[in-house]
Structure formats: C-alpha cells, structure tokens
Amino acid sequence: VYFVDLVGCKTFVSDKEIGEVIEVMETPAHPILRIKAIDEDRDILVPFIERFIVSVDVEAKQIEIDWMEGL
C-alpha cells in the first residue's frame, strides 16, 4: 500500500464511519493517519500499525480501524 493511496479513504470502526484520512504522517517509529472526524471539529491520529488497522481496501477507499480508548 502506498501512503498516497490512503489519503481520501473513509475510516470505519465497527461499520460506523468516523472520518476521512487527510494526511499520512511519517515518523521514525511508524506512520500515523490523520483523520478528519465527521462528527467533531477535530482530527484523530491513528498509528498505521497492525494493532490498530483491521483492513485496508484501497479500491473501495475504506479503512477499518480497531478503536481503542484514548484515540
């Protein structure tokens, strides 16, 4: 998966849309998805690692996230 392909993907937690990826930030530890929340005026930062990412469907522009308190 190329990071540029992730921008614009809708993100979901348990089939509920939470927002859209607006940026993929590269850090020394791991990439981080910046998601523009649809129900709040804020961004959500989610590490792009196996612990948080359930599935990525670039063709459908959808990412399933395993939500964790504090995100």
N, C-alpha and C. Protein backbone atom coordinates (compact mmCIF):
# COMPACT_ATOMS: atom_id res chain seq x y z
N VAL A 1 0.85 -1.18 0.00
CA VAL A 1 0.00 0.00 0.00
C VAL A 1 0.89 1.24 0.00
N TYR A 2 0.62 2.15 -0.92
CA TYR A 2 1.31 3.43 -0.94
C TYR A 2 0.54 4.42 -0.08
N PHE A 3 1.27 5.22 0.70
CA PHE A 3 0.62 6.17 1.60
C PHE A 3 -0.28 7.14 0.85
N VAL A 4 0.12 7.54 -0.34
CA VAL A 4 -0.69 8.48 -1.12
C VAL A 4 -2.06 7.89 -1.43
N ASP A 5 -2.15 6.56 -1.53
CA ASP A 5 -3.43 5.90 -1.80
C ASP A 5 -4.36 5.92 -0.59
N LEU A 6 -3.82 6.16 0.59
CA LEU A 6 -4.64 6.16 1.80
C LEU A 6 -5.37 7.49 2.00
N VAL A 7 -4.82 8.56 1.46
CA VAL A 7 -5.46 9.88 1.59
C VAL A 7 -6.79 9.85 0.84
N GLY A 8 -7.84 10.26 1.52
CA GLY A 8 -9.18 10.24 0.94
C GLY A 8 -9.99 9.01 1.32
N CYS A 9 -9.35 8.05 1.97
CA CYS A 9 -10.08 6.84 2.41
C CYS A 9 -11.00 7.18 3.57
N LYS A 10 -12.19 6.63 3.55
CA LYS A 10 -13.12 6.74 4.67
C LYS A 10 -12.68 5.73 5.73
N THR A 11 -12.79 6.11 6.99
CA THR A 11 -12.38 5.22 8.07
C THR A 11 -13.60 4.80 8.88
N PHE A 12 -13.58 3.54 9.29
CA PHE A 12 -14.72 2.94 9.99
C PHE A 12 -14.27 2.22 11.25
N VAL A 13 -15.14 2.26 12.26
CA VAL A 13 -14.99 1.46 13.47
C VAL A 13 -16.29 0.72 13.64
N SER A 14 -16.25 -0.60 13.57
CA SER A 14 -17.45 -1.43 13.70
C SER A 14 -18.56 -0.94 12.76
N ASP A 15 -18.25 -0.74 11.51
CA ASP A 15 -19.19 -0.31 10.47
C ASP A 15 -19.74 1.10 10.65
N LYS A 16 -19.21 1.87 11.59
CA LYS A 16 -19.61 3.27 11.76
C LYS A 16 -18.49 4.16 11.23
N GLU A 17 -18.84 5.04 10.28
CA GLU A 17 -17.83 5.92 9.72
C GLU A 17 -17.42 6.97 10.74
N ILE A 18 -16.09 7.14 10.90
CA ILE A 18 -15.60 8.13 11.86
C ILE A 18 -14.96 9.33 11.18
N GLY A 19 -14.56 9.17 9.91
CA GLY A 19 -13.95 10.30 9.22
C GLY A 19 -13.21 9.88 7.97
N GLU A 20 -12.37 10.80 7.48
CA GLU A 20 -11.63 10.59 6.24
C GLU A 20 -10.16 10.91 6.47
N VAL A 21 -9.28 10.08 5.91
CA VAL A 21 -7.84 10.31 6.02
C VAL A 21 -7.49 11.55 5.21
N ILE A 22 -6.87 12.53 5.88
CA ILE A 22 -6.46 13.74 5.18
C ILE A 22 -4.94 13.83 5.02
N GLU A 23 -4.22 12.97 5.75
CA GLU A 23 -2.75 13.00 5.67
C GLU A 23 -2.19 11.73 6.28
N VAL A 24 -1.05 11.30 5.75
CA VAL A 24 -0.28 10.22 6.37
C VAL A 24 1.04 10.84 6.79
N MET A 25 1.27 10.88 8.09
CA MET A 25 2.48 11.49 8.62
C MET A 25 3.51 10.39 8.88
N GLU A 26 4.71 10.58 8.36
CA GLU A 26 5.77 9.60 8.59
C GLU A 26 6.58 10.03 9.80
N THR A 27 6.72 9.13 10.76
CA THR A 27 7.51 9.38 11.96
C THR A 27 8.58 8.29 12.05
N PRO A 28 9.60 8.49 12.87
CA PRO A 28 10.63 7.46 12.99
C PRO A 28 10.09 6.11 13.48
N ALA A 29 9.07 6.13 14.32
CA ALA A 29 8.52 4.88 14.86
C ALA A 29 7.61 4.17 13.87
N HIS A 30 6.65 4.91 13.29
CA HIS A 30 5.68 4.32 12.37
C HIS A 30 4.85 5.44 11.75
N PRO A 31 4.19 5.16 10.62
CA PRO A 31 3.31 6.17 10.01
C PRO A 31 2.07 6.40 10.89
N ILE A 32 1.53 7.59 10.79
CA ILE A 32 0.32 7.94 11.54
C ILE A 32 -0.71 8.51 10.57
N LEU A 33 -1.94 8.00 10.66
CA LEU A 33 -3.03 8.53 9.85
C LEU A 33 -3.65 9.73 10.56
N ARG A 34 -3.80 10.83 9.85
CA ARG A 34 -4.54 11.99 10.37
C ARG A 34 -5.93 11.92 9.74
N ILE A 35 -6.94 11.73 10.59
CA ILE A 35 -8.31 11.53 10.14
C ILE A 35 -9.15 12.74 10.56
N LYS A 36 -9.83 13.34 9.61
CA LYS A 36 -10.75 14.44 9.90
C LYS A 36 -12.06 13.82 10.37
N ALA A 37 -12.38 14.00 11.65
CA ALA A 37 -13.59 13.41 12.22
C ALA A 37 -14.84 14.04 11.61
N ILE A 38 -15.86 13.21 11.34
CA ILE A 38 -17.07 13.73 10.71
C ILE A 38 -18.03 14.35 11.73
N ASP A 39 -17.97 13.93 12.98
CA ASP A 39 -18.94 14.43 13.96
C ASP A 39 -18.35 15.46 14.93
N GLU A 40 -17.07 15.78 14.78
CA GLU A 40 -16.44 16.75 15.66
C GLU A 40 -15.50 17.61 14.84
N ASP A 41 -15.17 18.76 15.38
CA ASP A 41 -14.26 19.67 14.69
C ASP A 41 -12.83 19.40 15.19
N ARG A 42 -12.35 18.19 14.91
CA ARG A 42 -11.00 17.84 15.33
C ARG A 42 -10.45 16.75 14.42
N ASP A 43 -9.16 16.51 14.57
CA ASP A 43 -8.52 15.43 13.84
C ASP A 43 -8.22 14.29 14.80
N ILE A 44 -8.27 13.09 14.28
CA ILE A 44 -7.95 11.89 15.05
C ILE A 44 -6.66 11.33 14.49
N LEU A 45 -5.71 11.03 15.37
CA LEU A 45 -4.44 10.45 14.95
C LEU A 45 -4.42 8.97 15.30
N VAL A 46 -4.19 8.13 14.30
CA VAL A 46 -4.19 6.69 14.49
C VAL A 46 -2.90 6.12 13.91
N PRO A 47 -2.11 5.42 14.73
CA PRO A 47 -0.90 4.78 14.20
C PRO A 47 -1.27 3.76 13.12
N PHE A 48 -0.55 3.79 12.02
CA PHE A 48 -0.79 2.85 10.92
C PHE A 48 0.05 1.60 11.17
N ILE A 49 -0.39 0.84 12.19
CA ILE A 49 0.26 -0.41 12.56
C ILE A 49 -0.81 -1.49 12.74
N GLU A 50 -0.37 -2.72 12.73
CA GLU A 50 -1.29 -3.86 12.76
C GLU A 50 -2.23 -3.83 13.96
N ARG A 51 -1.79 -3.30 15.09
CA ARG A 51 -2.62 -3.27 16.30
C ARG A 51 -3.91 -2.46 16.10
N PHE A 52 -3.85 -1.42 15.27
CA PHE A 52 -4.99 -0.53 15.09
C PHE A 52 -5.71 -0.69 13.75
N ILE A 53 -5.03 -1.18 12.74
CA ILE A 53 -5.61 -1.28 11.41
C ILE A 53 -6.10 -2.70 11.16
N VAL A 54 -7.40 -2.87 11.01
CA VAL A 54 -8.00 -4.18 10.77
C VAL A 54 -7.89 -4.54 9.30
N SER A 55 -8.28 -3.61 8.42
CA SER A 55 -8.22 -3.88 6.98
C SER A 55 -8.12 -2.57 6.21
N VAL A 56 -7.53 -2.69 5.01
CA VAL A 56 -7.41 -1.56 4.10
C VAL A 56 -7.88 -2.02 2.73
N ASP A 57 -8.87 -1.31 2.18
CA ASP A 57 -9.36 -1.59 0.84
C ASP A 57 -9.18 -0.32 0.01
N VAL A 58 -8.03 -0.26 -0.69
CA VAL A 58 -7.68 0.94 -1.44
C VAL A 58 -8.67 1.19 -2.57
N GLU A 59 -9.13 0.13 -3.24
CA GLU A 59 -10.08 0.29 -4.34
C GLU A 59 -11.40 0.88 -3.88
N ALA A 60 -11.89 0.44 -2.72
CA ALA A 60 -13.15 0.95 -2.17
C ALA A 60 -12.92 2.21 -1.34
N LYS A 61 -11.63 2.58 -1.13
CA LYS A 61 -11.26 3.76 -0.33
C LYS A 61 -11.82 3.66 1.09
N GLN A 62 -11.59 2.47 1.74
CA GLN A 62 -12.08 2.25 3.09
C GLN A 62 -11.00 1.62 3.96
N ILE A 63 -10.94 2.07 5.20
CA ILE A 63 -10.02 1.52 6.19
C ILE A 63 -10.83 1.19 7.44
N GLU A 64 -10.70 -0.04 7.92
CA GLU A 64 -11.37 -0.47 9.16
C GLU A 64 -10.35 -0.35 10.29
N ILE A 65 -10.74 0.34 11.36
CA ILE A 65 -9.86 0.59 12.49
C ILE A 65 -10.37 -0.12 13.73
N ASP A 66 -9.45 -0.66 14.51
CA ASP A 66 -9.78 -1.26 15.80
C ASP A 66 -9.64 -0.14 16.83
N TRP A 67 -10.78 0.41 17.24
CA TRP A 67 -10.78 1.58 18.14
C TRP A 67 -10.27 1.21 19.52
N MET A 68 -9.60 2.16 20.13
CA MET A 68 -9.05 1.97 21.47
C MET A 68 -9.27 3.28 22.22
N GLU A 69 -9.73 3.21 23.44
CA GLU A 69 -9.95 4.42 24.23
C GLU A 69 -8.69 5.26 24.25
N GLY A 70 -8.87 6.56 24.12
CA GLY A 70 -7.74 7.47 24.14
C GLY A 70 -7.34 7.95 22.75
N LEU A 71 -7.87 7.32 21.69
CA LEU A 71 -7.56 7.77 20.34
C LEU A 71 -8.42 8.97 19.99
